[in-house]
PDB file of N, CA and C in Angstrom:
ATOM      1  N   UNK A   1      -0.771   0.125  -7.222  1.00  0.00           N
ATOM      2  CA  UNK A   1       0.480  -0.209  -6.625  1.00  0.00           C
ATOM      3  C   UNK A   1       1.084   1.070  -5.846  1.00  0.00           C
ATOM      4  N   UNK A   2       1.684   0.763  -4.676  1.00  0.00           N
ATOM      5  CA  UNK A   2       2.299   1.813  -3.938  1.00  0.00           C
ATOM      6  C   UNK A   2       3.759   1.499  -3.793  1.00  0.00           C
ATOM      7  N   UNK A   3       4.515   2.583  -3.788  1.00  0.00           N
ATOM      8  CA  UNK A   3       6.094   2.384  -3.686  1.00  0.00           C
ATOM      9  C   UNK A   3       6.312   2.331  -2.141  1.00  0.00           C
ATOM     10  N   UNK A   4       7.190   1.404  -1.715  1.00  0.00           N
ATOM     11  CA  UNK A   4       7.534   1.325  -0.380  1.00  0.00           C
ATOM     12  C   UNK A   4       9.098   0.920  -0.252  1.00  0.00           C
ATOM     13  N   UNK A   5       9.703   0.940   0.908  1.00  0.00           N
ATOM     14  CA  UNK A   5      11.117   0.664   1.023  1.00  0.00           C
ATOM     15  C   UNK A   5      11.295  -0.466   2.039  1.00  0.00           C
ATOM     16  N   UNK A   6      11.871  -1.533   1.524  1.00  0.00           N
ATOM     17  CA  UNK A   6      12.253  -2.654   2.456  1.00  0.00           C
ATOM     18  C   UNK A   6      13.201  -2.148   3.480  1.00  0.00           C
ATOM     19  N   UNK A   7      13.279  -2.823   4.704  1.00  0.00           N
ATOM     20  CA  UNK A   7      14.301  -2.516   5.695  1.00  0.00           C
ATOM     21  C   UNK A   7      15.658  -2.483   5.069  1.00  0.00           C
ATOM     22  N   UNK A   8      15.963  -3.256   4.128  1.00  0.00           N
ATOM     23  CA  UNK A   8      17.301  -3.331   3.423  1.00  0.00           C
ATOM     24  C   UNK A   8      17.592  -2.062   2.671  1.00  0.00           C
ATOM     25  N   UNK A   9      16.589  -1.227   2.386  1.00  0.00           N
ATOM     26  CA  UNK A   9      16.756  -0.062   1.606  1.00  0.00           C
ATOM     27  C   UNK A   9      16.291  -0.126   0.223  1.00  0.00           C
ATOM     28  N   UNK A  10      15.914  -1.407  -0.282  1.00  0.00           N
ATOM     29  CA  UNK A  10      15.368  -1.633  -1.593  1.00  0.00           C
ATOM     30  C   UNK A  10      13.960  -1.125  -1.755  1.00  0.00           C
ATOM     31  N   UNK A  11      13.748  -0.253  -2.750  1.00  0.00           N
ATOM     32  CA  UNK A  11      12.528   0.189  -3.048  1.00  0.00           C
ATOM     33  C   UNK A  11      11.692  -0.787  -3.882  1.00  0.00           C
ATOM     34  N   UNK A  12      10.492  -0.970  -3.695  1.00  0.00           N
ATOM     35  CA  UNK A  12       9.602  -1.888  -4.427  1.00  0.00           C
ATOM     36  C   UNK A  12       8.150  -1.393  -4.544  1.00  0.00           C
ATOM     37  N   UNK A  13       7.450  -1.939  -5.566  1.00  0.00           N
ATOM     38  CA  UNK A  13       5.968  -1.594  -5.566  1.00  0.00           C
ATOM     39  C   UNK A  13       5.251  -2.697  -5.166  1.00  0.00           C
ATOM     40  N   UNK A  14       4.206  -2.338  -4.304  1.00  0.00           N
ATOM     41  CA  UNK A  14       3.374  -3.432  -3.656  1.00  0.00           C
ATOM     42  C   UNK A  14       1.916  -3.216  -4.126  1.00  0.00           C
ATOM     43  N   UNK A  15       1.327  -4.351  -4.473  1.00  0.00           N
ATOM     44  CA  UNK A  15      -0.053  -4.293  -4.855  1.00  0.00           C
ATOM     45  C   UNK A  15      -0.919  -4.152  -3.523  1.00  0.00           C
ATOM     46  N   UNK A  16      -1.345  -2.941  -3.234  1.00  0.00           N
ATOM     47  CA  UNK A  16      -2.002  -2.698  -1.990  1.00  0.00           C
ATOM     48  C   UNK A  16      -3.303  -3.348  -1.846  1.00  0.00           C
ATOM     49  N   UNK A  17      -3.887  -3.908  -2.931  1.00  0.00           N
ATOM     50  CA  UNK A  17      -5.107  -4.637  -2.826  1.00  0.00           C
ATOM     51  C   UNK A  17      -4.917  -5.961  -2.175  1.00  0.00           C
ATOM     52  N   UNK A  18      -3.650  -6.395  -1.948  1.00  0.00           N
ATOM     53  CA  UNK A  18      -3.392  -7.686  -1.324  1.00  0.00           C
ATOM     54  C   UNK A  18      -3.152  -7.581   0.166  1.00  0.00           C
ATOM     55  N   UNK A  19      -3.118  -6.318   0.724  1.00  0.00           N
ATOM     56  CA  UNK A  19      -2.795  -6.184   2.094  1.00  0.00           C
ATOM     57  C   UNK A  19      -3.859  -6.703   2.993  1.00  0.00           C
ATOM     58  N   UNK A  20      -3.553  -7.586   3.925  1.00  0.00           N
ATOM     59  CA  UNK A  20      -4.443  -8.139   4.818  1.00  0.00           C
ATOM     60  C   UNK A  20      -4.360  -7.374   6.207  1.00  0.00           C
ATOM     61  N   UNK A  21      -3.149  -7.294   6.730  1.00  0.00           N
ATOM     62  CA  UNK A  21      -2.872  -6.650   8.045  1.00  0.00           C
ATOM     63  C   UNK A  21      -1.576  -5.843   7.970  1.00  0.00           C
ATOM     64  N   UNK A  22      -1.529  -4.805   8.780  1.00  0.00           N
ATOM     65  CA  UNK A  22      -0.266  -4.084   8.975  1.00  0.00           C
ATOM     66  C   UNK A  22      -0.076  -3.858  10.447  1.00  0.00           C
ATOM     67  N   UNK A  23       1.169  -4.135  10.945  1.00  0.00           N
ATOM     68  CA  UNK A  23       1.531  -3.918  12.266  1.00  0.00           C
ATOM     69  C   UNK A  23       2.816  -3.176  12.520  1.00  0.00           C
ATOM     70  N   UNK A  24       2.863  -2.466  13.545  1.00  0.00           N
ATOM     71  CA  UNK A  24       4.208  -1.749  13.895  1.00  0.00           C
ATOM     72  C   UNK A  24       4.725  -2.365  15.192  1.00  0.00           C
ATOM     73  N   UNK A  25       5.909  -3.059  15.134  1.00  0.00           N
ATOM     74  CA  UNK A  25       6.377  -3.719  16.372  1.00  0.00           C
ATOM     75  C   UNK A  25       7.835  -3.841  16.399  1.00  0.00           C
ATOM     76  N   UNK A  26       8.702  -2.962  16.411  1.00  0.00           N
ATOM     77  CA  UNK A  26       8.493  -1.591  16.037  1.00  0.00           C
ATOM     78  C   UNK A  26       8.657  -1.433  14.467  1.00  0.00           C
ATOM     79  N   UNK A  27       9.190  -2.402  13.738  1.00  0.00           N
ATOM     80  CA  UNK A  27       9.199  -2.275  12.338  1.00  0.00           C
ATOM     81  C   UNK A  27       7.815  -2.554  11.817  1.00  0.00           C
ATOM     82  N   UNK A  28       7.532  -1.756  10.668  1.00  0.00           N
ATOM     83  CA  UNK A  28       6.227  -1.989  10.031  1.00  0.00           C
ATOM     84  C   UNK A  28       6.222  -3.332   9.316  1.00  0.00           C
ATOM     85  N   UNK A  29       5.259  -4.199   9.584  1.00  0.00           N
ATOM     86  CA  UNK A  29       5.105  -5.494   9.031  1.00  0.00           C
ATOM     87  C   UNK A  29       3.800  -5.559   8.275  1.00  0.00           C
ATOM     88  N   UNK A  30       3.925  -5.916   6.933  1.00  0.00           N
ATOM     89  CA  UNK A  30       2.770  -6.030   6.155  1.00  0.00           C
ATOM     90  C   UNK A  30       2.508  -7.542   5.767  1.00  0.00           C
ATOM     91  N   UNK A  31       1.358  -7.977   6.049  1.00  0.00           N
ATOM     92  CA  UNK A  31       0.943  -9.400   5.812  1.00  0.00           C
ATOM     93  C   UNK A  31       0.022  -9.274   4.640  1.00  0.00           C
ATOM     94  N   UNK A  32       0.256 -10.062   3.551  1.00  0.00           N
ATOM     95  CA  UNK A  32      -0.607 -10.083   2.425  1.00  0.00           C
ATOM     96  C   UNK A  32      -1.511 -11.259   2.396  1.00  0.00           C
ATOM     97  N   UNK A  33      -2.572 -11.213   1.582  1.00  0.00           N
ATOM     98  CA  UNK A  33      -3.557 -12.292   1.534  1.00  0.00           C
ATOM     99  C   UNK A  33      -2.902 -13.618   1.067  1.00  0.00           C
ATOM    100  N   UNK A  34      -1.782 -13.481   0.268  1.00  0.00           N
ATOM    101  CA  UNK A  34      -1.178 -14.734  -0.316  1.00  0.00           C
ATOM    102  C   UNK A  34      -0.186 -15.280   0.594  1.00  0.00           C
ATOM    103  N   UNK A  35      -0.026 -14.775   1.902  1.00  0.00           N
ATOM    104  CA  UNK A  35       0.849 -15.321   2.950  1.00  0.00           C
ATOM    105  C   UNK A  35       2.262 -14.623   2.896  1.00  0.00           C
ATOM    106  N   UNK A  36       2.504 -13.794   2.006  1.00  0.00           N
ATOM    107  CA  UNK A  36       3.812 -13.114   1.986  1.00  0.00           C
ATOM    108  C   UNK A  36       3.829 -12.032   2.991  1.00  0.00           C
ATOM    109  N   UNK A  37       5.023 -11.749   3.530  1.00  0.00           N
ATOM    110  CA  UNK A  37       5.251 -10.756   4.585  1.00  0.00           C
ATOM    111  C   UNK A  37       6.373  -9.926   4.239  1.00  0.00           C
ATOM    112  N   UNK A  38       6.173  -8.525   4.391  1.00  0.00           N
ATOM    113  CA  UNK A  38       7.121  -7.571   4.155  1.00  0.00           C
ATOM    114  C   UNK A  38       7.429  -6.731   5.290  1.00  0.00           C
ATOM    115  N   UNK A  39       8.732  -6.444   5.566  1.00  0.00           N
ATOM    116  CA  UNK A  39       9.116  -5.426   6.577  1.00  0.00           C
ATOM    117  C   UNK A  39       9.573  -4.146   5.837  1.00  0.00           C
ATOM    118  N   UNK A  40       8.907  -3.088   6.224  1.00  0.00           N
ATOM    119  CA  UNK A  40       9.149  -1.867   5.474  1.00  0.00           C
ATOM    120  C   UNK A  40       9.599  -0.676   6.408  1.00  0.00           C
ATOM    121  N   UNK A  41      10.308   0.289   5.882  1.00  0.00           N
ATOM    122  CA  UNK A  41      10.748   1.430   6.621  1.00  0.00           C
ATOM    123  C   UNK A  41       9.619   2.450   6.920  1.00  0.00           C
ATOM    124  N   UNK A  42       8.708   2.453   6.025  1.00  0.00           N
ATOM    125  CA  UNK A  42       7.566   3.454   6.233  1.00  0.00           C
ATOM    126  C   UNK A  42       6.672   3.039   7.415  1.00  0.00           C
ATOM    127  N   UNK A  43       6.054   4.060   8.095  1.00  0.00           N
ATOM    128  CA  UNK A  43       5.246   3.732   9.179  1.00  0.00           C
ATOM    129  C   UNK A  43       3.899   3.173   8.750  1.00  0.00           C
ATOM    130  N   UNK A  44       3.128   2.589   9.702  1.00  0.00           N
ATOM    131  CA  UNK A  44       1.914   2.030   9.416  1.00  0.00           C
ATOM    132  C   UNK A  44       0.994   3.091   8.872  1.00  0.00           C
ATOM    133  N   UNK A  45       0.981   4.249   9.465  1.00  0.00           N
ATOM    134  CA  UNK A  45       0.176   5.416   8.971  1.00  0.00           C
ATOM    135  C   UNK A  45       0.558   5.750   7.551  1.00  0.00           C
ATOM    136  N   UNK A  46       1.811   5.842   7.196  1.00  0.00           N
ATOM    137  CA  UNK A  46       2.300   6.163   5.849  1.00  0.00           C
ATOM    138  C   UNK A  46       1.786   5.104   4.851  1.00  0.00           C
ATOM    139  N   UNK A  47       1.898   3.833   5.188  1.00  0.00           N
ATOM    140  CA  UNK A  47       1.373   2.794   4.259  1.00  0.00           C
ATOM    141  C   UNK A  47      -0.127   2.995   4.042  1.00  0.00           C
ATOM    142  N   UNK A  48      -0.859   3.197   5.132  1.00  0.00           N
ATOM    143  CA  UNK A  48      -2.298   3.442   4.978  1.00  0.00           C
ATOM    144  C   UNK A  48      -2.569   4.603   4.120  1.00  0.00           C
ATOM    145  N   UNK A  49      -1.813   5.750   4.313  1.00  0.00           N
ATOM    146  CA  UNK A  49      -2.079   6.938   3.567  1.00  0.00           C
ATOM    147  C   UNK A  49      -1.768   6.712   2.026  1.00  0.00           C
ATOM    148  N   UNK A  50      -0.720   6.046   1.773  1.00  0.00           N
ATOM    149  CA  UNK A  50      -0.370   5.733   0.283  1.00  0.00           C
ATOM    150  C   UNK A  50      -1.391   4.856  -0.272  1.00  0.00           C
ATOM    151  N   UNK A  51      -1.874   3.837   0.407  1.00  0.00           N
ATOM    152  CA  UNK A  51      -2.930   2.905  -0.109  1.00  0.00           C
ATOM    153  C   UNK A  51      -4.240   3.626  -0.344  1.00  0.00           C
ATOM    154  N   UNK A  52      -4.573   4.505   0.586  1.00  0.00           N
ATOM    155  CA  UNK A  52      -5.782   5.337   0.482  1.00  0.00           C
ATOM    156  C   UNK A  52      -5.759   6.252  -0.719  1.00  0.00           C
ATOM    157  N   UNK A  53      -4.565   6.924  -0.860  1.00  0.00           N
ATOM    158  CA  UNK A  53      -4.436   7.868  -1.981  1.00  0.00           C
ATOM    159  C   UNK A  53      -4.532   7.097  -3.339  1.00  0.00           C
ATOM    160  N   UNK A  54      -3.946   5.888  -3.413  1.00  0.00           N
ATOM    161  CA  UNK A  54      -3.969   5.091  -4.522  1.00  0.00           C
ATOM    162  C   UNK A  54      -5.338   4.776  -4.932  1.00  0.00           C
ATOM    163  N   UNK A  55      -6.157   4.314  -3.890  1.00  0.00           N
ATOM    164  CA  UNK A  55      -7.507   3.876  -4.148  1.00  0.00           C
ATOM    165  C   UNK A  55      -8.433   5.129  -4.549  1.00  0.00           C
ATOM    166  N   UNK A  56      -8.191   6.282  -3.994  1.00  0.00           N
ATOM    167  CA  UNK A  56      -8.855   7.456  -4.316  1.00  0.00           C
ATOM    168  C   UNK A  56      -8.662   7.887  -5.794  1.00  0.00           C
ATOM    169  N   UNK A  57      -7.311   7.699  -6.213  1.00  0.00           N
ATOM    170  CA  UNK A  57      -6.928   8.019  -7.571  1.00  0.00           C
ATOM    171  C   UNK A  57      -7.684   7.086  -8.543  1.00  0.00           C
ATOM    172  N   UNK A  58      -7.689   5.712  -8.231  1.00  0.00           N
ATOM    173  CA  UNK A  58      -8.266   4.709  -9.079  1.00  0.00           C
ATOM    174  C   UNK A  58      -9.869   4.966  -9.193  1.00  0.00           C
ATOM    175  N   UNK A  59     -10.524   5.163  -8.092  1.00  0.00           N
ATOM    176  CA  UNK A  59     -11.939   5.309  -8.113  1.00  0.00           C
ATOM    177  C   UNK A  59     -12.349   6.543  -8.668  1.00  0.00           C
ATOM    178  N   UNK A  60     -11.511   7.666  -8.504  1.00  0.00           N
ATOM    179  CA  UNK A  60     -11.836   8.945  -9.181  1.00  0.00           C
ATOM    180  C   UNK A  60     -11.786   8.821 -10.673  1.00  0.00           C
ATOM    181  N   UNK A  61     -10.749   8.076 -11.097  1.00  0.00           N
ATOM    182  CA  UNK A  61     -10.733   7.816 -12.636  1.00  0.00           C
ATOM    183  C   UNK A  61     -11.766   7.022 -13.165  1.00  0.00           C
ATOM    184  N   UNK A  62     -12.220   6.019 -12.401  1.00  0.00           N
ATOM    185  CA  UNK A  62     -13.390   5.208 -12.887  1.00  0.00           C
ATOM    186  C   UNK A  62     -14.640   6.089 -12.965  1.00  0.00           C
ATOM    187  N   UNK A  63     -14.893   6.930 -11.920  1.00  0.00           N
ATOM    188  CA  UNK A  63     -16.007   7.807 -11.875  1.00  0.00           C
ATOM    189  C   UNK A  63     -16.039   8.755 -12.981  1.00  0.00           C
ATOM    190  N   UNK A  64     -14.844   9.411 -13.190  1.00  0.00           N
ATOM    191  CA  UNK A  64     -14.736  10.391 -14.229  1.00  0.00           C
ATOM    192  C   UNK A  64     -14.887   9.771 -15.556  1.00  0.00           C
ATOM    193  N   UNK A  65     -14.425   8.603 -15.875  1.00  0.00           N
ATOM    194  CA  UNK A  65     -14.636   7.972 -17.206  1.00  0.00           C
ATOM    195  C   UNK A  65     -16.096   7.607 -17.350  1.00  0.00           C
ATOM    196  N   UNK A  66     -16.729   7.110 -16.308  1.00  0.00           N
ATOM    197  CA  UNK A  66     -18.097   6.659 -16.323  1.00  0.00           C
ATOM    198  C   UNK A  66     -19.064   7.835 -16.558  1.00  0.00           C
ATOM    199  N   UNK A  67     -18.801   8.922 -16.023  1.00  0.00           N
ATOM    200  CA  UNK A  67     -19.704  10.105 -16.112  1.00  0.00           C
ATOM    201  C   UNK A  67     -19.263  11.121 -17.004  1.00  0.00           C
ATOM    202  N   UNK A  68     -18.175  10.856 -17.745  1.00  0.00           N
ATOM    203  CA  UNK A  68     -17.628  11.791 -18.744  1.00  0.00           C
ATOM    204  C   UNK A  68     -17.058  13.077 -18.155  1.00  0.00           C
ATOM    205  N   UNK A  69     -16.591  13.041 -16.884  1.00  0.00           N
ATOM    206  CA  UNK A  69     -16.051  14.247 -16.339  1.00  0.00           C
ATOM    207  C   UNK A  69     -14.597  14.541 -16.751  1.00  0.00           C
TER     208      UNK A  69
END
């Protein structure tokens, strides 16, 4: 899950595994695989950065647990 901010200012957690597409026009629009759409204050680059960091953390934990690191 990544924390984002809706255009209204409300902070929410998004399951970034459900992101299908992200566009900036000029607001950042996130389309999910279940058809939901979110407009957020963060830039497209920031959403990608947060999703990438989240996945690195998850996979790092899996590898560390698997190999006893």
